[in-house]
Protein backbone atom coordinates (compact mmCIF):
# COMPACT_ATOMS: atom_id res chain seq x y z
CA MET A 1 -122.80 82.45 210.37
CA ASN A 2 -120.58 82.16 213.39
CA SER A 3 -121.36 83.61 216.77
CA LEU A 4 -118.94 86.53 216.57
CA ALA A 5 -120.50 87.47 213.01
CA LYS A 6 -124.12 87.01 214.55
CA LYS A 7 -123.25 89.61 217.15
CA VAL A 8 -121.79 91.85 214.81
CA PHE A 9 -124.75 91.35 212.43
CA LYS A 10 -127.16 92.55 215.17
CA ILE A 11 -125.10 95.76 215.80
CA CYS A 12 -124.69 96.53 212.17
CA GLU A 13 -128.30 96.11 211.33
CA LYS A 14 -128.83 98.92 213.83
CA LYS A 15 -126.04 101.35 212.79
CA TYR A 16 -126.43 101.02 209.02
CA LYS A 17 -129.20 102.50 207.04
CA PRO A 18 -131.95 99.81 206.30
CA ALA A 19 -131.31 99.90 202.35
CA ASP A 20 -127.52 100.03 202.89
CA PHE A 21 -127.76 96.98 204.92
CA LYS A 22 -129.83 95.21 202.72
CA TYR A 23 -128.27 96.24 199.24
CA HIS A 24 -124.84 96.72 200.31
CA ILE A 25 -123.68 95.19 203.22
CA LEU A 26 -125.48 91.82 202.93
CA PRO A 27 -124.47 91.32 199.48
CA VAL A 28 -120.85 91.91 200.39
CA VAL A 29 -121.05 89.60 203.10
CA LYS A 30 -122.42 86.98 200.88
CA ASN A 31 -119.63 87.40 198.19
CA ALA A 32 -116.97 87.53 200.76
CA VAL A 33 -118.27 84.12 202.13
CA LEU A 34 -118.16 82.39 198.87
CA LEU A 35 -114.69 83.70 198.21
CA ALA A 36 -113.44 82.64 201.64
CA ARG A 37 -114.75 79.29 201.01
CA TRP A 38 -113.08 78.93 197.97
CA LYS A 39 -109.81 80.16 199.13
CA LYS A 40 -110.24 78.11 202.41
CA ALA A 41 -110.07 81.58 204.37
CA ASP A 42 -111.15 81.83 208.07
CA LEU A 43 -114.84 82.40 207.85
CA LYS A 44 -114.98 84.07 211.27
CA ILE A 45 -112.74 86.74 210.11
CA VAL A 46 -114.15 87.19 206.74
CA GLU A 47 -117.64 87.46 207.92
CA THR A 48 -116.89 90.02 210.48
CA ALA A 49 -114.60 92.02 208.18
CA ALA A 50 -117.50 92.08 205.67
CA LEU A 51 -120.07 93.21 207.96
CA LEU A 52 -117.86 96.12 209.29
CA HIS A 53 -116.23 97.14 205.93
CA ASP A 54 -118.34 100.35 205.79
CA ILE A 55 -118.84 101.12 209.52
CA GLY A 56 -117.17 104.44 209.07
CA ARG A 57 -119.93 105.44 207.03
CA THR A 58 -122.54 104.90 209.68
CA ALA A 59 -124.75 107.90 210.91
CA GLY A 60 -122.50 108.62 213.99
CA ALA A 61 -119.34 108.72 211.94
CA ARG A 62 -120.60 110.45 208.72
CA LYS A 63 -119.79 113.99 209.99
CA LYS A 64 -116.14 112.95 209.84
CA PHE A 65 -116.16 111.68 206.45
CA SER A 66 -117.62 113.27 203.38
CA ALA A 67 -120.26 111.59 201.11
CA GLN A 68 -117.37 110.28 198.83
CA ASN A 69 -115.51 107.11 199.71
CA GLU A 70 -112.92 108.55 202.11
CA HIS A 71 -113.48 105.98 204.50
CA HIS A 72 -111.32 103.48 202.95
CA ILE A 73 -108.21 102.72 204.96
C-alpha cells in the first residue's frame, strides 16, 4: 500500500463502521488492486479511490443520504 493510501486507510478505518470496513471496504480495495495490476493502472489512485468509494455513507454524512444507494455519483 502506498503512503497516500496508508494515510487514507487510517482515516477510513475510523470513519466507517467496523463491519462495513472489514467486510465491504477492504474486499473492494483488494479487488481494485488486483484489477489495477492486471490493467497496469495507477495503484496510488486506485487504492485511494477504493478506500473512499463509500465515504458518503459514513456516520457524519448519513443524514444527507437515505439508506438506499443514493451516494453514488
